[in-house]
Amino acid sequence: MEYKSPVYNIIAVPIEKIRANDYNPNTVAPPEMKLLYESIKEDGYTMPIVCYYSKPQDIYIIVDGFHRYRVMLENKDIYEREGGMIPVSVIDKPIDKRMASTIRHNRARGNHDVELMSNIVKELHELGRSDAWISKHLGMDRDEILRLKQITGLAALFKDVKFGKAWRPVEEDENKKE
């Protein structure tokens, strides 16, 4: 079967069936949110939001596009004009790969909240993902991963790290004169 990108299957989804994920570290400052509102007001939705469909809950969980979603939630004029429907591109991936997708989408565009990024590294680690996996899928180097792990302060994140032997101070002979 030939691969077909999700963007070729955009669907209109009632905003009431969409939920934010609980791991997105991306933030948008108020001036940029206002600009995003103006853009959607003037140009409409030119990009779908990316979601994962949870069949048991019958909801769509955002992978990318939270701020476009927020514009409709917070602006009655946009909600009414769009009939409460938002364009969605659906991806079907497990949670660790959705987290990685969110980070890739965000990092390609802008800045991240460091504390939230460190929490994602922690969660991926707890899901059993190695530093190599995190590096490959989130586009981070090992130093960045280490810094983010240090922010969380959890010793468990370092349990598999091999540390070199530390030097030991040589005790000076108290009777020895300089």
N, C-alpha and C. Protein backbone atom coordinates (compact mmCIF):
# COMPACT_ATOMS: atom_id res chain seq x y z
N MET A 1 0.85 -1.18 0.00
CA MET A 1 0.00 0.00 0.00
C MET A 1 0.89 1.24 0.00
N GLU A 2 0.56 2.18 -0.82
CA GLU A 2 1.33 3.41 -0.93
C GLU A 2 0.96 4.37 0.20
N TYR A 3 1.98 5.01 0.76
CA TYR A 3 1.75 5.96 1.85
C TYR A 3 1.01 7.19 1.34
N LYS A 4 0.06 7.66 2.14
CA LYS A 4 -0.69 8.87 1.81
C LYS A 4 -0.68 9.78 3.03
N SER A 5 -0.15 10.98 2.88
CA SER A 5 -0.06 11.92 3.99
C SER A 5 -1.44 12.26 4.53
N PRO A 6 -1.54 12.44 5.86
CA PRO A 6 -2.83 12.74 6.49
C PRO A 6 -3.50 14.02 5.96
N VAL A 7 -2.72 14.95 5.45
CA VAL A 7 -3.28 16.22 4.98
C VAL A 7 -4.23 16.04 3.79
N TYR A 8 -4.17 14.89 3.14
CA TYR A 8 -5.08 14.64 2.02
C TYR A 8 -6.46 14.16 2.47
N ASN A 9 -6.64 14.02 3.78
CA ASN A 9 -7.92 13.56 4.32
C ASN A 9 -8.42 14.50 5.41
N ILE A 10 -8.48 15.78 5.13
CA ILE A 10 -8.95 16.75 6.12
C ILE A 10 -10.45 16.54 6.34
N ILE A 11 -10.84 16.56 7.62
CA ILE A 11 -12.25 16.44 7.96
C ILE A 11 -12.67 17.63 8.82
N ALA A 12 -13.94 17.97 8.76
CA ALA A 12 -14.49 19.03 9.61
C ALA A 12 -15.02 18.36 10.88
N VAL A 13 -14.51 18.83 12.02
CA VAL A 13 -14.88 18.23 13.31
C VAL A 13 -15.49 19.30 14.20
N PRO A 14 -16.63 18.99 14.86
CA PRO A 14 -17.20 19.96 15.81
C PRO A 14 -16.18 20.23 16.93
N ILE A 15 -15.99 21.49 17.24
CA ILE A 15 -14.98 21.86 18.23
C ILE A 15 -15.26 21.22 19.60
N GLU A 16 -16.50 20.91 19.87
CA GLU A 16 -16.86 20.27 21.14
C GLU A 16 -16.27 18.86 21.28
N LYS A 17 -15.87 18.25 20.16
CA LYS A 17 -15.30 16.91 20.19
C LYS A 17 -13.77 16.93 20.23
N ILE A 18 -13.20 18.12 20.37
CA ILE A 18 -11.75 18.26 20.35
C ILE A 18 -11.25 18.60 21.76
N ARG A 19 -10.13 17.99 22.14
CA ARG A 19 -9.52 18.25 23.45
C ARG A 19 -8.05 18.57 23.25
N ALA A 20 -7.54 19.43 24.11
CA ALA A 20 -6.10 19.72 24.12
C ALA A 20 -5.37 18.53 24.72
N ASN A 21 -4.14 18.32 24.30
CA ASN A 21 -3.33 17.30 24.97
C ASN A 21 -2.81 17.90 26.26
N ASP A 22 -2.23 17.08 27.11
CA ASP A 22 -1.75 17.58 28.41
C ASP A 22 -0.24 17.69 28.48
N TYR A 23 0.42 17.74 27.32
CA TYR A 23 1.87 17.76 27.33
C TYR A 23 2.50 18.84 26.45
N ASN A 24 1.74 19.64 25.76
CA ASN A 24 2.31 20.60 24.81
C ASN A 24 3.07 21.71 25.53
N PRO A 25 4.36 21.84 25.24
CA PRO A 25 5.16 22.88 25.91
C PRO A 25 5.17 24.21 25.17
N ASN A 26 4.46 24.31 24.07
CA ASN A 26 4.50 25.51 23.26
C ASN A 26 3.61 26.60 23.85
N THR A 27 4.11 27.80 23.88
CA THR A 27 3.33 28.94 24.35
C THR A 27 3.37 30.03 23.29
N VAL A 28 2.32 30.80 23.24
CA VAL A 28 2.24 31.93 22.30
C VAL A 28 1.91 33.17 23.11
N ALA A 29 2.72 34.20 22.93
CA ALA A 29 2.53 35.46 23.64
C ALA A 29 1.26 36.16 23.14
N PRO A 30 0.65 36.99 24.00
CA PRO A 30 -0.58 37.68 23.61
C PRO A 30 -0.52 38.43 22.27
N PRO A 31 0.54 39.14 21.94
CA PRO A 31 0.55 39.82 20.63
C PRO A 31 0.45 38.84 19.46
N GLU A 32 1.12 37.68 19.59
CA GLU A 32 1.06 36.69 18.53
C GLU A 32 -0.30 36.00 18.48
N MET A 33 -0.94 35.83 19.65
CA MET A 33 -2.30 35.27 19.66
C MET A 33 -3.26 36.22 18.96
N LYS A 34 -3.10 37.50 19.19
CA LYS A 34 -3.94 38.49 18.50
C LYS A 34 -3.71 38.43 16.99
N LEU A 35 -2.45 38.29 16.60
CA LEU A 35 -2.13 38.18 15.18
C LEU A 35 -2.72 36.90 14.58
N LEU A 36 -2.68 35.81 15.33
CA LEU A 36 -3.27 34.56 14.85
C LEU A 36 -4.77 34.72 14.68
N TYR A 37 -5.43 35.38 15.63
CA TYR A 37 -6.85 35.66 15.50
C TYR A 37 -7.11 36.48 14.22
N GLU A 38 -6.34 37.53 14.02
CA GLU A 38 -6.52 38.39 12.83
C GLU A 38 -6.31 37.58 11.55
N SER A 39 -5.31 36.72 11.57
CA SER A 39 -5.03 35.89 10.40
C SER A 39 -6.22 34.98 10.08
N ILE A 40 -6.75 34.32 11.11
CA ILE A 40 -7.89 33.42 10.90
C ILE A 40 -9.13 34.22 10.52
N LYS A 41 -9.30 35.39 11.11
CA LYS A 41 -10.44 36.25 10.77
C LYS A 41 -10.38 36.68 9.30
N GLU A 42 -9.20 37.08 8.85
CA GLU A 42 -9.05 37.59 7.48
C GLU A 42 -8.91 36.49 6.43
N ASP A 43 -8.18 35.43 6.77
CA ASP A 43 -7.86 34.40 5.77
C ASP A 43 -8.60 33.09 5.97
N GLY A 44 -9.28 32.96 7.12
CA GLY A 44 -9.91 31.67 7.43
C GLY A 44 -8.86 30.69 7.94
N TYR A 45 -9.28 29.46 8.18
CA TYR A 45 -8.34 28.42 8.58
C TYR A 45 -7.65 27.92 7.32
N THR A 46 -6.38 28.22 7.20
CA THR A 46 -5.62 27.79 6.03
C THR A 46 -4.82 26.53 6.31
N MET A 47 -4.74 26.17 7.57
CA MET A 47 -4.04 24.94 7.98
C MET A 47 -4.94 24.19 8.96
N PRO A 48 -5.06 22.88 8.77
CA PRO A 48 -5.86 22.12 9.73
C PRO A 48 -5.09 21.96 11.04
N ILE A 49 -5.80 21.60 12.09
CA ILE A 49 -5.10 21.18 13.29
C ILE A 49 -4.87 19.68 13.14
N VAL A 50 -3.87 19.17 13.82
CA VAL A 50 -3.53 17.75 13.73
C VAL A 50 -4.02 17.10 15.02
N CYS A 51 -4.77 16.01 14.87
CA CYS A 51 -5.34 15.33 16.04
C CYS A 51 -5.17 13.82 15.93
N TYR A 52 -5.29 13.21 17.09
CA TYR A 52 -5.38 11.76 17.22
C TYR A 52 -6.83 11.48 17.60
N TYR A 53 -7.46 10.51 16.94
CA TYR A 53 -8.84 10.17 17.27
C TYR A 53 -8.86 9.05 18.31
N SER A 54 -9.49 9.32 19.45
CA SER A 54 -9.66 8.32 20.50
C SER A 54 -11.05 7.73 20.34
N LYS A 55 -11.11 6.55 19.76
CA LYS A 55 -12.40 5.90 19.49
C LYS A 55 -13.20 5.63 20.76
N PRO A 56 -12.58 5.09 21.84
CA PRO A 56 -13.36 4.81 23.06
C PRO A 56 -14.06 6.05 23.63
N GLN A 57 -13.40 7.19 23.53
CA GLN A 57 -13.97 8.43 24.07
C GLN A 57 -14.73 9.23 23.01
N ASP A 58 -14.55 8.86 21.74
CA ASP A 58 -15.14 9.58 20.61
C ASP A 58 -14.75 11.07 20.66
N ILE A 59 -13.44 11.31 20.86
CA ILE A 59 -12.92 12.68 20.85
C ILE A 59 -11.63 12.72 20.03
N TYR A 60 -11.28 13.92 19.64
CA TYR A 60 -10.05 14.17 18.91
C TYR A 60 -9.09 14.91 19.85
N ILE A 61 -7.90 14.37 20.03
CA ILE A 61 -6.91 14.96 20.93
C ILE A 61 -5.86 15.68 20.08
N ILE A 62 -5.65 16.94 20.38
CA ILE A 62 -4.74 17.76 19.57
C ILE A 62 -3.29 17.31 19.71
N VAL A 63 -2.64 17.17 18.56
CA VAL A 63 -1.22 16.91 18.48
C VAL A 63 -0.51 18.21 18.10
N ASP A 64 -1.10 18.96 17.18
CA ASP A 64 -0.56 20.25 16.75
C ASP A 64 -1.73 21.15 16.35
N GLY A 65 -1.64 22.42 16.73
CA GLY A 65 -2.67 23.37 16.34
C GLY A 65 -3.50 23.88 17.51
N PHE A 66 -2.99 23.69 18.72
CA PHE A 66 -3.72 24.11 19.91
C PHE A 66 -4.14 25.58 19.85
N HIS A 67 -3.26 26.45 19.39
CA HIS A 67 -3.58 27.88 19.39
C HIS A 67 -4.61 28.24 18.32
N ARG A 68 -4.62 27.52 17.20
CA ARG A 68 -5.69 27.71 16.20
C ARG A 68 -7.02 27.26 16.79
N TYR A 69 -6.99 26.19 17.54
CA TYR A 69 -8.16 25.68 18.26
C TYR A 69 -8.65 26.72 19.27
N ARG A 70 -7.71 27.29 20.01
CA ARG A 70 -8.04 28.31 21.02
C ARG A 70 -8.73 29.53 20.39
N VAL A 71 -8.29 29.91 19.21
CA VAL A 71 -8.89 31.07 18.55
C VAL A 71 -10.39 30.84 18.38
N MET A 72 -10.77 29.65 17.95
CA MET A 72 -12.20 29.38 17.78
C MET A 72 -12.90 29.30 19.14
N LEU A 73 -12.27 28.68 20.11
CA LEU A 73 -12.88 28.56 21.44
C LEU A 73 -13.15 29.92 22.07
N GLU A 74 -12.24 30.85 21.87
CA GLU A 74 -12.29 32.13 22.58
C GLU A 74 -12.92 33.28 21.78
N ASN A 75 -13.29 33.02 20.53
CA ASN A 75 -13.82 34.09 19.69
C ASN A 75 -15.12 33.65 19.02
N LYS A 76 -16.20 34.17 19.55
CA LYS A 76 -17.54 33.80 19.07
C LYS A 76 -17.71 34.06 17.58
N ASP A 77 -17.12 35.16 17.08
CA ASP A 77 -17.27 35.47 15.65
C ASP A 77 -16.66 34.38 14.77
N ILE A 78 -15.52 33.85 15.17
CA ILE A 78 -14.89 32.78 14.40
C ILE A 78 -15.71 31.50 14.53
N TYR A 79 -16.14 31.18 15.74
CA TYR A 79 -16.96 30.00 15.98
C TYR A 79 -18.21 30.03 15.09
N GLU A 80 -18.90 31.15 15.09
CA GLU A 80 -20.15 31.25 14.30
C GLU A 80 -19.88 31.19 12.81
N ARG A 81 -18.86 31.90 12.36
CA ARG A 81 -18.55 31.89 10.93
C ARG A 81 -18.22 30.48 10.45
N GLU A 82 -17.51 29.72 11.28
CA GLU A 82 -17.08 28.37 10.90
C GLU A 82 -18.12 27.31 11.24
N GLY A 83 -19.24 27.72 11.83
CA GLY A 83 -20.28 26.77 12.20
C GLY A 83 -19.82 25.81 13.30
N GLY A 84 -18.86 26.26 14.11
CA GLY A 84 -18.37 25.42 15.20
C GLY A 84 -17.52 24.24 14.74
N MET A 85 -17.16 24.24 13.46
CA MET A 85 -16.37 23.14 12.90
C MET A 85 -14.95 23.63 12.64
N ILE A 86 -13.99 22.76 12.87
CA ILE A 86 -12.59 23.10 12.64
C ILE A 86 -11.96 22.01 11.77
N PRO A 87 -11.12 22.41 10.80
CA PRO A 87 -10.48 21.40 9.94
C PRO A 87 -9.44 20.60 10.71
N VAL A 88 -9.51 19.28 10.54
CA VAL A 88 -8.63 18.37 11.29
C VAL A 88 -7.98 17.38 10.33
N SER A 89 -6.69 17.19 10.55
CA SER A 89 -5.93 16.14 9.90
C SER A 89 -5.66 15.10 10.99
N VAL A 90 -6.02 13.86 10.76
CA VAL A 90 -5.92 12.83 11.79
C VAL A 90 -4.68 11.98 11.58
N ILE A 91 -3.93 11.78 12.68
CA ILE A 91 -2.82 10.82 12.66
C ILE A 91 -3.13 9.72 13.67
N ASP A 92 -2.67 8.54 13.39
CA ASP A 92 -2.93 7.41 14.27
C ASP A 92 -1.60 6.88 14.78
N LYS A 93 -1.21 7.36 15.96
CA LYS A 93 0.08 6.98 16.56
C LYS A 93 -0.10 6.79 18.06
N PRO A 94 0.74 5.96 18.67
CA PRO A 94 0.70 5.83 20.13
C PRO A 94 1.18 7.13 20.79
N ILE A 95 0.93 7.26 22.07
CA ILE A 95 1.19 8.50 22.79
C ILE A 95 2.63 8.98 22.67
N ASP A 96 3.62 8.10 22.76
CA ASP A 96 5.01 8.56 22.69
C ASP A 96 5.31 9.19 21.33
N LYS A 97 4.79 8.61 20.28
CA LYS A 97 5.03 9.16 18.94
C LYS A 97 4.21 10.43 18.71
N ARG A 98 3.05 10.54 19.35
CA ARG A 98 2.28 11.80 19.25
C ARG A 98 3.03 12.92 19.96
N MET A 99 3.62 12.61 21.13
CA MET A 99 4.40 13.61 21.84
C MET A 99 5.56 14.08 20.96
N ALA A 100 6.23 13.13 20.34
CA ALA A 100 7.34 13.48 19.45
C ALA A 100 6.85 14.33 18.28
N SER A 101 5.70 13.98 17.72
CA SER A 101 5.14 14.78 16.62
C SER A 101 4.86 16.20 17.06
N THR A 102 4.28 16.36 18.26
CA THR A 102 4.00 17.70 18.78
C THR A 102 5.28 18.51 18.88
N ILE A 103 6.31 17.92 19.42
CA ILE A 103 7.57 18.63 19.58
C ILE A 103 8.16 18.99 18.23
N ARG A 104 8.16 18.06 17.30
CA ARG A 104 8.71 18.36 15.96
C ARG A 104 7.96 19.51 15.31
N HIS A 105 6.63 19.47 15.38
CA HIS A 105 5.84 20.57 14.80
C HIS A 105 6.21 21.90 15.46
N ASN A 106 6.27 21.90 16.77
CA ASN A 106 6.56 23.13 17.51
C ASN A 106 7.97 23.64 17.26
N ARG A 107 8.95 22.74 17.33
CA ARG A 107 10.34 23.16 17.19
C ARG A 107 10.62 23.71 15.80
N ALA A 108 9.88 23.24 14.83
CA ALA A 108 10.07 23.75 13.47
C ALA A 108 9.56 25.19 13.36
N ARG A 109 8.73 25.62 14.30
CA ARG A 109 8.11 26.94 14.23
C ARG A 109 8.60 27.95 15.25
N GLY A 110 8.87 27.52 16.48
CA GLY A 110 9.08 28.56 17.47
C GLY A 110 9.72 28.09 18.75
N ASN A 111 9.38 28.77 19.83
CA ASN A 111 10.00 28.55 21.14
C ASN A 111 9.19 27.60 21.99
N HIS A 112 9.87 27.09 23.01
CA HIS A 112 9.24 26.17 23.95
C HIS A 112 9.42 26.64 25.37
N ASP A 113 8.49 26.27 26.19
CA ASP A 113 8.60 26.48 27.63
C ASP A 113 9.52 25.39 28.16
N VAL A 114 10.64 25.79 28.74
CA VAL A 114 11.67 24.84 29.18
C VAL A 114 11.13 23.86 30.22
N GLU A 115 10.37 24.34 31.18
CA GLU A 115 9.84 23.44 32.22
C GLU A 115 8.93 22.38 31.61
N LEU A 116 8.08 22.78 30.68
CA LEU A 116 7.19 21.81 30.05
C LEU A 116 7.98 20.83 29.18
N MET A 117 9.02 21.32 28.50
CA MET A 117 9.86 20.43 27.71
C MET A 117 10.53 19.39 28.62
N SER A 118 11.00 19.83 29.79
CA SER A 118 11.65 18.88 30.69
C SER A 118 10.65 17.83 31.17
N ASN A 119 9.39 18.22 31.35
CA ASN A 119 8.36 17.25 31.74
C ASN A 119 8.11 16.23 30.64
N ILE A 120 8.16 16.67 29.38
CA ILE A 120 7.98 15.73 28.28
C ILE A 120 9.13 14.73 28.25
N VAL A 121 10.35 15.21 28.42
CA VAL A 121 11.50 14.30 28.45
C VAL A 121 11.31 13.30 29.59
N LYS A 122 10.86 13.77 30.73
CA LYS A 122 10.60 12.89 31.88
C LYS A 122 9.53 11.85 31.53
N GLU A 123 8.42 12.29 30.93
CA GLU A 123 7.35 11.35 30.58
C GLU A 123 7.80 10.32 29.56
N LEU A 124 8.56 10.77 28.55
CA LEU A 124 9.05 9.82 27.56
C LEU A 124 10.01 8.82 28.20
N HIS A 125 10.83 9.29 29.12
CA HIS A 125 11.73 8.40 29.84
C HIS A 125 10.92 7.36 30.63
N GLU A 126 9.86 7.82 31.29
CA GLU A 126 9.01 6.92 32.07
C GLU A 126 8.27 5.93 31.18
N LEU A 127 8.05 6.30 29.91
CA LEU A 127 7.43 5.39 28.95
C LEU A 127 8.44 4.40 28.39
N GLY A 128 9.70 4.52 28.85
CA GLY A 128 10.73 3.58 28.43
C GLY A 128 11.55 4.02 27.24
N ARG A 129 11.45 5.28 26.87
CA ARG A 129 12.21 5.77 25.72
C ARG A 129 13.61 6.18 26.15
N SER A 130 14.59 5.76 25.38
CA SER A 130 15.99 6.05 25.69
C SER A 130 16.35 7.47 25.26
N ASP A 131 17.50 7.93 25.73
CA ASP A 131 18.00 9.23 25.29
C ASP A 131 18.20 9.24 23.78
N ALA A 132 18.67 8.13 23.22
CA ALA A 132 18.88 8.04 21.78
C ALA A 132 17.55 8.20 21.04
N TRP A 133 16.50 7.57 21.55
CA TRP A 133 15.17 7.69 20.92
C TRP A 133 14.69 9.13 21.01
N ILE A 134 14.82 9.73 22.19
CA ILE A 134 14.39 11.11 22.38
C ILE A 134 15.17 12.03 21.45
N SER A 135 16.46 11.83 21.37
CA SER A 135 17.31 12.65 20.50
C SER A 135 16.85 12.54 19.05
N LYS A 136 16.64 11.34 18.60
CA LYS A 136 16.24 11.11 17.20
C LYS A 136 14.86 11.68 16.90
N HIS A 137 13.90 11.44 17.77
CA HIS A 137 12.52 11.80 17.48
C HIS A 137 12.15 13.23 17.83
N LEU A 138 12.90 13.85 18.74
CA LEU A 138 12.59 15.23 19.13
C LEU A 138 13.60 16.23 18.60
N GLY A 139 14.63 15.73 17.94
CA GLY A 139 15.63 16.62 17.36
C GLY A 139 16.48 17.33 18.39
N MET A 140 16.81 16.63 19.46
CA MET A 140 17.63 17.23 20.53
C MET A 140 18.98 16.53 20.58
N ASP A 141 20.00 17.28 20.98
CA ASP A 141 21.28 16.62 21.21
C ASP A 141 21.33 16.13 22.65
N ARG A 142 22.33 15.32 22.95
CA ARG A 142 22.41 14.70 24.26
C ARG A 142 22.56 15.73 25.38
N ASP A 143 23.28 16.83 25.12
CA ASP A 143 23.44 17.87 26.15
C ASP A 143 22.10 18.52 26.49
N GLU A 144 21.29 18.76 25.48
CA GLU A 144 19.97 19.37 25.73
C GLU A 144 19.10 18.42 26.55
N ILE A 145 19.13 17.15 26.22
CA ILE A 145 18.36 16.16 26.98
C ILE A 145 18.84 16.13 28.43
N LEU A 146 20.16 16.14 28.62
CA LEU A 146 20.72 16.15 29.97
C LEU A 146 20.26 17.38 30.75
N ARG A 147 20.32 18.55 30.13
CA ARG A 147 19.88 19.78 30.81
C ARG A 147 18.40 19.69 31.18
N LEU A 148 17.58 19.18 30.28
CA LEU A 148 16.15 19.07 30.58
C LEU A 148 15.90 18.06 31.71
N LYS A 149 16.65 16.98 31.74
CA LYS A 149 16.52 16.03 32.83
C LYS A 149 16.93 16.66 34.16
N GLN A 150 17.96 17.49 34.13
CA GLN A 150 18.42 18.14 35.36
C GLN A 150 17.36 19.07 35.91
N ILE A 151 16.58 19.69 35.06
CA ILE A 151 15.53 20.62 35.49
C ILE A 151 14.47 19.89 36.32
N THR A 152 14.13 18.67 35.91
CA THR A 152 13.10 17.94 36.66
C THR A 152 13.61 17.50 38.01
N GLY A 153 14.93 17.34 38.13
CA GLY A 153 15.51 16.97 39.42
C GLY A 153 15.22 15.55 39.85
N LEU A 154 14.82 14.70 38.93
CA LEU A 154 14.49 13.33 39.31
C LEU A 154 15.67 12.40 39.08
N ALA A 155 16.10 11.78 40.13
CA ALA A 155 17.23 10.85 40.05
C ALA A 155 16.93 9.69 39.11
N ALA A 156 15.67 9.29 39.01
CA ALA A 156 15.29 8.16 38.17
C ALA A 156 15.69 8.39 36.71
N LEU A 157 15.74 9.64 36.29
CA LEU A 157 16.10 9.93 34.90
C LEU A 157 17.56 9.63 34.61
N PHE A 158 18.36 9.50 35.66
CA PHE A 158 19.78 9.25 35.49
C PHE A 158 20.19 7.84 35.87
N LYS A 159 19.24 6.97 36.16
CA LYS A 159 19.59 5.64 36.67
C LYS A 159 20.39 4.81 35.67
N ASP A 160 20.21 5.03 34.37
CA ASP A 160 20.92 4.25 33.36
C ASP A 160 22.15 4.97 32.82
N VAL A 161 22.48 6.13 33.36
CA VAL A 161 23.62 6.90 32.90
C VAL A 161 24.89 6.34 33.52
N LYS A 162 25.90 6.12 32.70
CA LYS A 162 27.17 5.64 33.21
C LYS A 162 28.06 6.85 33.48
N PHE A 163 28.43 7.01 34.71
CA PHE A 163 29.27 8.13 35.10
C PHE A 163 30.72 7.65 35.23
N GLY A 164 31.65 8.54 34.91
CA GLY A 164 33.06 8.24 35.09
C GLY A 164 33.41 8.28 36.58
N LYS A 165 34.53 7.69 36.90
CA LYS A 165 34.95 7.71 38.29
C LYS A 165 35.45 9.11 38.63
N ALA A 166 35.03 9.58 39.75
CA ALA A 166 35.46 10.91 40.19
C ALA A 166 36.84 10.82 40.80
N TRP A 167 37.54 11.92 40.80
CA TRP A 167 38.86 11.95 41.45
C TRP A 167 38.66 11.98 42.95
N ARG A 168 39.64 11.53 43.63
CA ARG A 168 39.59 11.56 45.09
C ARG A 168 40.69 12.49 45.58
N PRO A 169 40.34 13.38 46.46
CA PRO A 169 41.38 14.28 46.94
C PRO A 169 42.43 13.50 47.74
N VAL A 170 43.64 13.87 47.57
CA VAL A 170 44.73 13.24 48.30
C VAL A 170 44.85 13.96 49.63
N GLU A 171 44.81 13.19 50.69
CA GLU A 171 44.92 13.81 52.01
C GLU A 171 46.37 14.17 52.25
N GLU A 172 46.54 15.39 52.67
CA GLU A 172 47.90 15.84 52.94
C GLU A 172 48.37 15.32 54.28
N ASP A 173 49.63 14.98 54.34
CA ASP A 173 50.24 14.53 55.58
C ASP A 173 50.43 15.74 56.46
N GLU A 174 49.78 15.71 57.62
CA GLU A 174 49.84 16.87 58.51
C GLU A 174 51.26 17.12 59.01
N ASN A 175 52.09 16.10 59.07
CA ASN A 175 53.45 16.25 59.58
C ASN A 175 54.41 16.77 58.50
N LYS A 176 53.96 16.70 57.25
CA LYS A 176 54.81 17.12 56.15
C LYS A 176 54.81 18.64 56.05
N LYS A 177 55.98 19.21 55.95
CA LYS A 177 56.11 20.66 55.84
C LYS A 177 56.30 21.03 54.39
N GLU A 178 55.77 22.14 54.07
CA GLU A 178 55.91 22.62 52.70
C GLU A 178 57.23 23.27 52.48
